[in-house]
Amino acid sequence: MPKYRILTTEELNELESIFINFLAANSITAKDWENIKKNDKEKADQLIEQFSDVVFTKTLANVNLLEKRLKDKLLMYRFDEKEIKLLGLELKGFSPLDFRNEFSLQQLSDLFTDEKRDISFITGTKPYFENPEKEIFDLMESGAMISQNLELFDT
């Protein structure tokens, strides 16, 4: 059973060169791999599962910030050593800004100067219930994306 989930065919295709290196590190040649896929489906599935775990473990260990964008809501999750910090905005009523699309800090700033806008701030902090990587994974599976936008989080 995988630690997180098995990579999709599309994800595996995108990571083909890394998967080839993974197979080589396990002393499996291209010819061996073709033979395994054809004659030992269980072993092929096990190797893909192991590779999936390696990819997710390495990726999740380096995540510091996630953002989840909905039409009227922007949620940012920052992962510190012992806790998750949540910072978000929710727009009430009509707004020309759709958080699912790219926007500038100036556009965001303009929302705060418009007295007609009803904006709610969302903040929170919670300790990790499970290991941090599992919580990051669960948030990503719910639609959050890895972000490097610390400037927006710290604004």
C-alpha atoms as a PDB file:
ATOM      1  CA  MET A   1       0.000   0.000   0.000  1.00  0.00           C
ATOM      2  CA  PRO A   2       1.492   3.368  -0.971  1.00  0.00           C
ATOM      3  CA  LYS A   3       2.393   5.901   1.689  1.00  0.00           C
ATOM      4  CA  TYR A   4       0.524   8.636  -0.236  1.00  0.00           C
ATOM      5  CA  ARG A   5      -0.886   7.506  -3.589  1.00  0.00           C
ATOM      6  CA  ILE A   6       0.321   5.979  -6.817  1.00  0.00           C
ATOM      7  CA  LEU A   7       1.305   8.479  -9.470  1.00  0.00           C
ATOM      8  CA  THR A   8      -1.086   8.725 -12.402  1.00  0.00           C
ATOM      9  CA  THR A   9      -0.014   7.593 -15.861  1.00  0.00           C
ATOM     10  CA  GLU A  10       0.260  11.254 -16.869  1.00  0.00           C
ATOM     11  CA  GLU A  11       2.475  12.035 -13.865  1.00  0.00           C
ATOM     12  CA  LEU A  12       4.640   8.985 -14.574  1.00  0.00           C
ATOM     13  CA  ASN A  13       5.039  10.080 -18.193  1.00  0.00           C
ATOM     14  CA  GLU A  14       6.168  13.543 -17.050  1.00  0.00           C
ATOM     15  CA  LEU A  15       8.715  11.916 -14.726  1.00  0.00           C
ATOM     16  CA  GLU A  16       9.920   9.315 -17.225  1.00  0.00           C
ATOM     17  CA  SER A  17      13.606  10.250 -17.083  1.00  0.00           C
ATOM     18  CA  ILE A  18      13.561  10.227 -13.273  1.00  0.00           C
ATOM     19  CA  PHE A  19      11.773   6.857 -13.315  1.00  0.00           C
ATOM     20  CA  ILE A  20      14.464   5.474 -15.632  1.00  0.00           C
ATOM     21  CA  ASN A  21      17.105   6.610 -13.114  1.00  0.00           C
ATOM     22  CA  PHE A  22      15.075   4.984 -10.315  1.00  0.00           C
ATOM     23  CA  LEU A  23      15.005   1.703 -12.234  1.00  0.00           C
ATOM     24  CA  ALA A  24      18.735   1.942 -12.943  1.00  0.00           C
ATOM     25  CA  ALA A  25      19.424   2.554  -9.236  1.00  0.00           C
ATOM     26  CA  ASN A  26      17.553  -0.713  -8.624  1.00  0.00           C
ATOM     27  CA  SER A  27      19.670  -2.495 -11.287  1.00  0.00           C
ATOM     28  CA  ILE A  28      16.743  -2.760 -13.705  1.00  0.00           C
ATOM     29  CA  THR A  29      17.570  -2.181 -17.371  1.00  0.00           C
ATOM     30  CA  ALA A  30      15.076  -1.044 -20.013  1.00  0.00           C
ATOM     31  CA  LYS A  31      14.883  -4.627 -21.274  1.00  0.00           C
ATOM     32  CA  ASP A  32      14.301  -5.910 -17.724  1.00  0.00           C
ATOM     33  CA  TRP A  33      11.542  -3.340 -17.210  1.00  0.00           C
ATOM     34  CA  GLU A  34       9.739  -4.380 -20.393  1.00  0.00           C
ATOM     35  CA  ASN A  35       9.978  -8.004 -19.269  1.00  0.00           C
ATOM     36  CA  ILE A  36       8.671  -7.175 -15.775  1.00  0.00           C
ATOM     37  CA  LYS A  37       5.712  -5.213 -17.194  1.00  0.00           C
ATOM     38  CA  LYS A  38       4.836  -8.084 -19.501  1.00  0.00           C
ATOM     39  CA  ASN A  39       5.399 -11.058 -17.182  1.00  0.00           C
ATOM     40  CA  ASP A  40       5.226  -9.852 -13.574  1.00  0.00           C
ATOM     41  CA  LYS A  41       2.475  -7.243 -13.186  1.00  0.00           C
ATOM     42  CA  GLU A  42       2.657  -7.433  -9.389  1.00  0.00           C
ATOM     43  CA  LYS A  43       6.376  -6.542  -9.362  1.00  0.00           C
ATOM     44  CA  ALA A  44       5.787  -3.741 -11.887  1.00  0.00           C
ATOM     45  CA  ASP A  45       3.050  -2.323  -9.655  1.00  0.00           C
ATOM     46  CA  GLN A  46       5.336  -2.581  -6.605  1.00  0.00           C
ATOM     47  CA  LEU A  47       8.105  -0.667  -8.388  1.00  0.00           C
ATOM     48  CA  ILE A  48       5.689   2.062  -9.480  1.00  0.00           C
ATOM     49  CA  GLU A  49       4.372   2.265  -5.914  1.00  0.00           C
ATOM     50  CA  GLN A  50       7.917   2.563  -4.521  1.00  0.00           C
ATOM     51  CA  PHE A  51       8.758   5.243  -7.082  1.00  0.00           C
ATOM     52  CA  SER A  52       5.555   7.139  -6.228  1.00  0.00           C
ATOM     53  CA  ASP A  53       6.499   7.108  -2.543  1.00  0.00           C
ATOM     54  CA  VAL A  54       9.992   8.414  -3.339  1.00  0.00           C
ATOM     55  CA  VAL A  55       8.606  11.247  -5.501  1.00  0.00           C
ATOM     56  CA  PHE A  56       5.997  12.338  -2.965  1.00  0.00           C
ATOM     57  CA  THR A  57       8.351  12.045   0.011  1.00  0.00           C
ATOM     58  CA  LYS A  58      11.001  14.228  -1.661  1.00  0.00           C
ATOM     59  CA  THR A  59       8.462  16.745  -2.961  1.00  0.00           C
ATOM     60  CA  LEU A  60       6.494  17.127   0.262  1.00  0.00           C
ATOM     61  CA  ALA A  61       9.628  17.477   2.407  1.00  0.00           C
ATOM     62  CA  ASN A  62      10.451  20.699   0.532  1.00  0.00           C
ATOM     63  CA  VAL A  63       7.024  22.366   0.689  1.00  0.00           C
ATOM     64  CA  ASN A  64       6.820  25.458   2.892  1.00  0.00           C
ATOM     65  CA  LEU A  65       3.750  27.136   1.441  1.00  0.00           C
ATOM     66  CA  LEU A  66       0.525  26.065  -0.253  1.00  0.00           C
ATOM     67  CA  GLU A  67      -2.223  28.205  -1.666  1.00  0.00           C
ATOM     68  CA  LYS A  68      -5.771  27.273  -2.481  1.00  0.00           C
ATOM     69  CA  ARG A  69      -7.669  29.558  -4.809  1.00  0.00           C
ATOM     70  CA  LEU A  70     -11.409  29.662  -5.155  1.00  0.00           C
ATOM     71  CA  LYS A  71     -13.372  32.334  -7.018  1.00  0.00           C
ATOM     72  CA  ASP A  72     -13.987  34.411  -3.910  1.00  0.00           C
ATOM     73  CA  LYS A  73     -11.480  32.943  -1.469  1.00  0.00           C
ATOM     74  CA  LEU A  74      -7.694  32.785  -1.227  1.00  0.00           C
ATOM     75  CA  LEU A  75      -6.217  30.498   1.422  1.00  0.00           C
ATOM     76  CA  MET A  76      -2.498  30.261   2.115  1.00  0.00           C
ATOM     77  CA  TYR A  77      -0.973  27.620   4.363  1.00  0.00           C
ATOM     78  CA  ARG A  78       2.527  28.088   5.733  1.00  0.00           C
ATOM     79  CA  PHE A  79       4.236  25.057   7.237  1.00  0.00           C
ATOM     80  CA  ASP A  80       6.515  25.801  10.146  1.00  0.00           C
ATOM     81  CA  GLU A  81       8.411  23.277  12.219  1.00  0.00           C
ATOM     82  CA  LYS A  82       5.577  22.536  14.661  1.00  0.00           C
ATOM     83  CA  GLU A  83       2.434  24.077  13.188  1.00  0.00           C
ATOM     84  CA  ILE A  84       0.467  25.159  10.155  1.00  0.00           C
ATOM     85  CA  LYS A  85      -0.405  28.836   9.805  1.00  0.00           C
ATOM     86  CA  LEU A  86      -3.436  29.798   7.740  1.00  0.00           C
ATOM     87  CA  LEU A  87      -3.920  33.213   6.212  1.00  0.00           C
ATOM     88  CA  GLY A  88      -6.782  33.929   3.880  1.00  0.00           C
ATOM     89  CA  LEU A  89      -9.188  36.389   2.356  1.00  0.00           C
ATOM     90  CA  GLU A  90     -12.812  35.946   1.457  1.00  0.00           C
ATOM     91  CA  LEU A  91     -14.654  38.397  -0.776  1.00  0.00           C
ATOM     92  CA  LYS A  92     -18.358  38.863  -0.081  1.00  0.00           C
ATOM     93  CA  GLY A  93     -20.704  39.922  -2.866  1.00  0.00           C
ATOM     94  CA  PHE A  94     -19.616  40.888  -6.372  1.00  0.00           C
ATOM     95  CA  SER A  95     -15.933  41.446  -7.002  1.00  0.00           C
ATOM     96  CA  PRO A  96     -14.023  42.037 -10.229  1.00  0.00           C
ATOM     97  CA  LEU A  97     -11.191  39.954  -8.779  1.00  0.00           C
ATOM     98  CA  ASP A  98     -11.349  36.187  -9.200  1.00  0.00           C
ATOM     99  CA  PHE A  99      -8.679  34.492  -7.082  1.00  0.00           C
ATOM    100  CA  ARG A 100      -8.520  31.553  -9.504  1.00  0.00           C
ATOM    101  CA  ASN A 101      -6.840  33.888 -12.009  1.00  0.00           C
ATOM    102  CA  GLU A 102      -3.497  35.612 -11.698  1.00  0.00           C
ATOM    103  CA  PHE A 103      -3.608  38.998  -9.992  1.00  0.00           C
ATOM    104  CA  SER A 104      -1.129  41.620  -8.894  1.00  0.00           C
ATOM    105  CA  LEU A 105      -0.504  42.857  -5.387  1.00  0.00           C
ATOM    106  CA  GLN A 106      -1.798  46.214  -6.624  1.00  0.00           C
ATOM    107  CA  GLN A 107      -5.149  44.663  -7.590  1.00  0.00           C
ATOM    108  CA  LEU A 108      -5.333  43.086  -4.170  1.00  0.00           C
ATOM    109  CA  SER A 109      -4.447  46.381  -2.520  1.00  0.00           C
ATOM    110  CA  ASP A 110      -7.176  48.135  -4.525  1.00  0.00           C
ATOM    111  CA  LEU A 111      -9.778  45.872  -2.928  1.00  0.00           C
ATOM    112  CA  PHE A 112      -8.910  47.237   0.491  1.00  0.00           C
ATOM    113  CA  THR A 113      -9.281  50.857  -0.571  1.00  0.00           C
ATOM    114  CA  ASP A 114     -12.732  50.278  -2.072  1.00  0.00           C
ATOM    115  CA  GLU A 115     -15.195  50.977   0.742  1.00  0.00           C
ATOM    116  CA  LYS A 116     -17.924  48.999  -1.072  1.00  0.00           C
ATOM    117  CA  ARG A 117     -16.026  45.741  -0.739  1.00  0.00           C
ATOM    118  CA  ASP A 118     -16.828  43.368   2.075  1.00  0.00           C
ATOM    119  CA  ILE A 119     -13.656  41.422   2.817  1.00  0.00           C
ATOM    120  CA  SER A 120     -13.202  38.866   5.572  1.00  0.00           C
ATOM    121  CA  PHE A 121      -9.804  37.891   6.879  1.00  0.00           C
ATOM    122  CA  ILE A 122      -9.206  34.265   7.754  1.00  0.00           C
ATOM    123  CA  THR A 123      -6.384  33.380  10.120  1.00  0.00           C
ATOM    124  CA  GLY A 124      -5.504  30.384  12.175  1.00  0.00           C
ATOM    125  CA  THR A 125      -2.763  28.221  13.564  1.00  0.00           C
ATOM    126  CA  LYS A 126      -2.862  24.547  14.399  1.00  0.00           C
ATOM    127  CA  PRO A 127      -0.339  21.934  15.431  1.00  0.00           C
ATOM    128  CA  TYR A 128       0.204  19.002  13.120  1.00  0.00           C
ATOM    129  CA  PHE A 129      -2.200  16.133  13.800  1.00  0.00           C
ATOM    130  CA  GLU A 130      -0.169  13.753  11.682  1.00  0.00           C
ATOM    131  CA  ASN A 131       3.257  14.160  10.176  1.00  0.00           C
ATOM    132  CA  PRO A 132       3.600  17.429   8.233  1.00  0.00           C
ATOM    133  CA  GLU A 133       4.056  15.698   4.879  1.00  0.00           C
ATOM    134  CA  LYS A 134       0.752  13.843   5.253  1.00  0.00           C
ATOM    135  CA  GLU A 135      -1.092  17.073   6.066  1.00  0.00           C
ATOM    136  CA  ILE A 136       0.528  18.820   3.089  1.00  0.00           C
ATOM    137  CA  PHE A 137      -0.431  15.895   0.865  1.00  0.00           C
ATOM    138  CA  ASP A 138      -4.059  15.978   2.064  1.00  0.00           C
ATOM    139  CA  LEU A 139      -4.309  19.720   1.374  1.00  0.00           C
ATOM    140  CA  MET A 140      -2.842  19.230  -2.102  1.00  0.00           C
ATOM    141  CA  GLU A 141      -5.323  16.452  -2.817  1.00  0.00           C
ATOM    142  CA  SER A 142      -8.106  18.895  -1.856  1.00  0.00           C
ATOM    143  CA  GLY A 143      -6.904  21.408  -4.463  1.00  0.00           C
ATOM    144  CA  ALA A 144      -4.116  23.400  -2.809  1.00  0.00           C
ATOM    145  CA  MET A 145      -1.036  24.047  -4.937  1.00  0.00           C
ATOM    146  CA  ILE A 146       2.610  24.470  -4.000  1.00  0.00           C
ATOM    147  CA  SER A 147       3.466  28.165  -3.860  1.00  0.00           C
ATOM    148  CA  GLN A 148       6.641  30.199  -3.661  1.00  0.00           C
ATOM    149  CA  ASN A 149       4.632  33.380  -3.053  1.00  0.00           C
ATOM    150  CA  LEU A 150       5.903  34.163   0.454  1.00  0.00           C
ATOM    151  CA  GLU A 151       5.608  37.863  -0.393  1.00  0.00           C
ATOM    152  CA  LEU A 152       1.836  37.505  -0.608  1.00  0.00           C
ATOM    153  CA  PHE A 153       1.700  35.511   2.645  1.00  0.00           C
ATOM    154  CA  ASP A 154       3.806  38.099   4.478  1.00  0.00           C
ATOM    155  CA  THR A 155       1.855  41.098   3.084  1.00  0.00           C
END
